[in-house]
Amino acid sequence: MAASRKAIHYYPLIRHADLCEETKHECVEIIVASCEKFPSNHEAAAKQIKETLDKRCGPSWHCVVGETFALEISYETKNIIYMFLNSNLGVCAWKCS
């Protein structure tokens, strides 16, 4: 009988990104820094990510940070990133008007 294995990674794993390369790298840096600053407060991390992206990339960004969530969203093309940190923390940030 095969035991189920959970993949563990300790680097940012981008699942989907519809951004130009420069913006994608900037978003990853912002997300990693915010989640490291607030490791146990997902709401504060999401708020900081949203506010930083609004300042650097223009309004109106939205962000969800959590270990388990599902969402269905509408967003501006070329303005979404969905990634995982430390194997279990999901982050989705997107821009919509």
C-alpha atoms as a PDB file:
ATOM      1  CA  MET A   1       0.000   0.000   0.000  1.00  0.00           C
ATOM      2  CA  ALA A   2       1.456   3.362  -0.999  1.00  0.00           C
ATOM      3  CA  ALA A   3       1.524   6.033   1.652  1.00  0.00           C
ATOM      4  CA  SER A   4       0.267   9.441   0.571  1.00  0.00           C
ATOM      5  CA  ARG A   5       3.005  12.017   0.433  1.00  0.00           C
ATOM      6  CA  LYS A   6       2.664  15.727   0.742  1.00  0.00           C
ATOM      7  CA  ALA A   7       5.128  17.803  -1.226  1.00  0.00           C
ATOM      8  CA  ILE A   8       7.053  20.150   1.018  1.00  0.00           C
ATOM      9  CA  HIS A   9       8.817  23.176  -0.409  1.00  0.00           C
ATOM     10  CA  TYR A  10      10.489  26.101   1.278  1.00  0.00           C
ATOM     11  CA  TYR A  11      10.534  28.521  -1.624  1.00  0.00           C
ATOM     12  CA  PRO A  12       7.784  30.569  -3.260  1.00  0.00           C
ATOM     13  CA  LEU A  13       5.873  28.287  -5.632  1.00  0.00           C
ATOM     14  CA  ILE A  14       3.977  30.252  -8.267  1.00  0.00           C
ATOM     15  CA  ARG A  15       0.895  28.326  -9.412  1.00  0.00           C
ATOM     16  CA  HIS A  16      -0.444  30.993 -11.783  1.00  0.00           C
ATOM     17  CA  ALA A  17       0.819  34.417 -12.733  1.00  0.00           C
ATOM     18  CA  ASP A  18      -0.572  36.620 -15.461  1.00  0.00           C
ATOM     19  CA  LEU A  19       1.886  39.500 -15.024  1.00  0.00           C
ATOM     20  CA  CYS A  20       4.872  40.892 -16.887  1.00  0.00           C
ATOM     21  CA  GLU A  21       8.159  39.458 -15.546  1.00  0.00           C
ATOM     22  CA  GLU A  22       9.214  42.652 -13.753  1.00  0.00           C
ATOM     23  CA  THR A  23       5.876  42.996 -11.956  1.00  0.00           C
ATOM     24  CA  LYS A  24       5.811  39.281 -11.133  1.00  0.00           C
ATOM     25  CA  HIS A  25       9.203  39.464  -9.397  1.00  0.00           C
ATOM     26  CA  GLU A  26       8.144  42.600  -7.528  1.00  0.00           C
ATOM     27  CA  CYS A  27       4.897  40.917  -6.386  1.00  0.00           C
ATOM     28  CA  VAL A  28       6.762  37.828  -5.174  1.00  0.00           C
ATOM     29  CA  GLU A  29       9.140  40.010  -3.137  1.00  0.00           C
ATOM     30  CA  ILE A  30       6.235  41.956  -1.607  1.00  0.00           C
ATOM     31  CA  ILE A  31       4.292  38.794  -0.766  1.00  0.00           C
ATOM     32  CA  VAL A  32       7.270  36.981   0.765  1.00  0.00           C
ATOM     33  CA  ALA A  33       8.271  40.020   2.854  1.00  0.00           C
ATOM     34  CA  SER A  34       4.712  40.553   4.142  1.00  0.00           C
ATOM     35  CA  CYS A  35       4.165  36.892   5.015  1.00  0.00           C
ATOM     36  CA  GLU A  36       7.525  36.747   6.813  1.00  0.00           C
ATOM     37  CA  LYS A  37       6.662  39.914   8.740  1.00  0.00           C
ATOM     38  CA  PHE A  38       3.259  38.524   9.818  1.00  0.00           C
ATOM     39  CA  PRO A  39       3.738  34.724   9.940  1.00  0.00           C
ATOM     40  CA  SER A  40       0.701  34.036  12.117  1.00  0.00           C
ATOM     41  CA  ASN A  41      -1.550  36.960  11.166  1.00  0.00           C
ATOM     42  CA  HIS A  42      -2.846  36.319   7.648  1.00  0.00           C
ATOM     43  CA  GLU A  43      -5.187  39.307   7.739  1.00  0.00           C
ATOM     44  CA  ALA A  44      -2.330  41.736   8.474  1.00  0.00           C
ATOM     45  CA  ALA A  45      -0.185  40.140   5.753  1.00  0.00           C
ATOM     46  CA  ALA A  46      -3.001  40.461   3.189  1.00  0.00           C
ATOM     47  CA  LYS A  47      -3.587  44.096   4.168  1.00  0.00           C
ATOM     48  CA  GLN A  48       0.100  44.959   3.794  1.00  0.00           C
ATOM     49  CA  ILE A  49       0.329  43.172   0.425  1.00  0.00           C
ATOM     50  CA  LYS A  50      -2.744  45.029  -0.852  1.00  0.00           C
ATOM     51  CA  GLU A  51      -1.543  48.439   0.346  1.00  0.00           C
ATOM     52  CA  THR A  52       1.965  47.942  -1.051  1.00  0.00           C
ATOM     53  CA  LEU A  53       0.672  46.786  -4.437  1.00  0.00           C
ATOM     54  CA  ASP A  54      -1.732  49.753  -4.556  1.00  0.00           C
ATOM     55  CA  LYS A  55       1.196  52.138  -3.992  1.00  0.00           C
ATOM     56  CA  ARG A  56       3.620  50.492  -6.426  1.00  0.00           C
ATOM     57  CA  CYS A  57       1.296  49.229  -9.180  1.00  0.00           C
ATOM     58  CA  GLY A  58      -1.712  51.521  -8.878  1.00  0.00           C
ATOM     59  CA  PRO A  59      -5.108  50.831  -7.332  1.00  0.00           C
ATOM     60  CA  SER A  60      -7.225  48.637  -6.944  1.00  0.00           C
ATOM     61  CA  TRP A  61      -5.535  45.433  -5.749  1.00  0.00           C
ATOM     62  CA  HIS A  62      -7.141  42.727  -3.625  1.00  0.00           C
ATOM     63  CA  CYS A  63      -5.441  39.937  -1.690  1.00  0.00           C
ATOM     64  CA  VAL A  64      -6.336  36.692   0.067  1.00  0.00           C
ATOM     65  CA  VAL A  65      -3.859  34.918   2.360  1.00  0.00           C
ATOM     66  CA  GLY A  66      -4.658  31.619   4.043  1.00  0.00           C
ATOM     67  CA  GLU A  67      -4.064  27.918   4.404  1.00  0.00           C
ATOM     68  CA  THR A  68      -7.339  26.781   2.854  1.00  0.00           C
ATOM     69  CA  PHE A  69      -9.542  28.917   0.662  1.00  0.00           C
ATOM     70  CA  ALA A  70     -11.360  28.842  -2.626  1.00  0.00           C
ATOM     71  CA  LEU A  71     -12.350  31.775  -4.757  1.00  0.00           C
ATOM     72  CA  GLU A  72     -13.848  32.734  -8.051  1.00  0.00           C
ATOM     73  CA  ILE A  73     -12.915  36.206  -9.204  1.00  0.00           C
ATOM     74  CA  SER A  74     -12.973  38.627 -12.107  1.00  0.00           C
ATOM     75  CA  TYR A  75      -9.754  40.524 -12.666  1.00  0.00           C
ATOM     76  CA  GLU A  76      -7.992  42.745 -15.160  1.00  0.00           C
ATOM     77  CA  THR A  77      -5.910  40.695 -17.566  1.00  0.00           C
ATOM     78  CA  LYS A  78      -2.184  40.715 -16.851  1.00  0.00           C
ATOM     79  CA  ASN A  79      -2.865  41.462 -13.163  1.00  0.00           C
ATOM     80  CA  ILE A  80      -3.054  38.280 -11.049  1.00  0.00           C
ATOM     81  CA  ILE A  81      -0.688  36.079  -9.080  1.00  0.00           C
ATOM     82  CA  TYR A  82      -1.496  32.903  -7.150  1.00  0.00           C
ATOM     83  CA  MET A  83       1.288  31.268  -5.181  1.00  0.00           C
ATOM     84  CA  PHE A  84       2.208  29.146  -2.182  1.00  0.00           C
ATOM     85  CA  LEU A  85       4.765  29.767   0.562  1.00  0.00           C
ATOM     86  CA  ASN A  86       6.188  27.208   3.004  1.00  0.00           C
ATOM     87  CA  SER A  87       4.077  24.404   1.491  1.00  0.00           C
ATOM     88  CA  ASN A  88       0.784  25.375   3.089  1.00  0.00           C
ATOM     89  CA  LEU A  89       0.214  29.133   2.849  1.00  0.00           C
ATOM     90  CA  GLY A  90      -1.683  30.234  -0.247  1.00  0.00           C
ATOM     91  CA  VAL A  91      -1.664  33.825  -1.500  1.00  0.00           C
ATOM     92  CA  CYS A  92      -3.735  35.253  -4.312  1.00  0.00           C
ATOM     93  CA  ALA A  93      -3.437  38.899  -5.330  1.00  0.00           C
ATOM     94  CA  TRP A  94      -5.305  40.456  -8.233  1.00  0.00           C
ATOM     95  CA  LYS A  95      -6.257  43.824  -9.622  1.00  0.00           C
ATOM     96  CA  CYS A  96      -9.749  44.819 -10.694  1.00  0.00           C
ATOM     97  CA  SER A  97     -11.518  48.080 -11.280  1.00  0.00           C
END
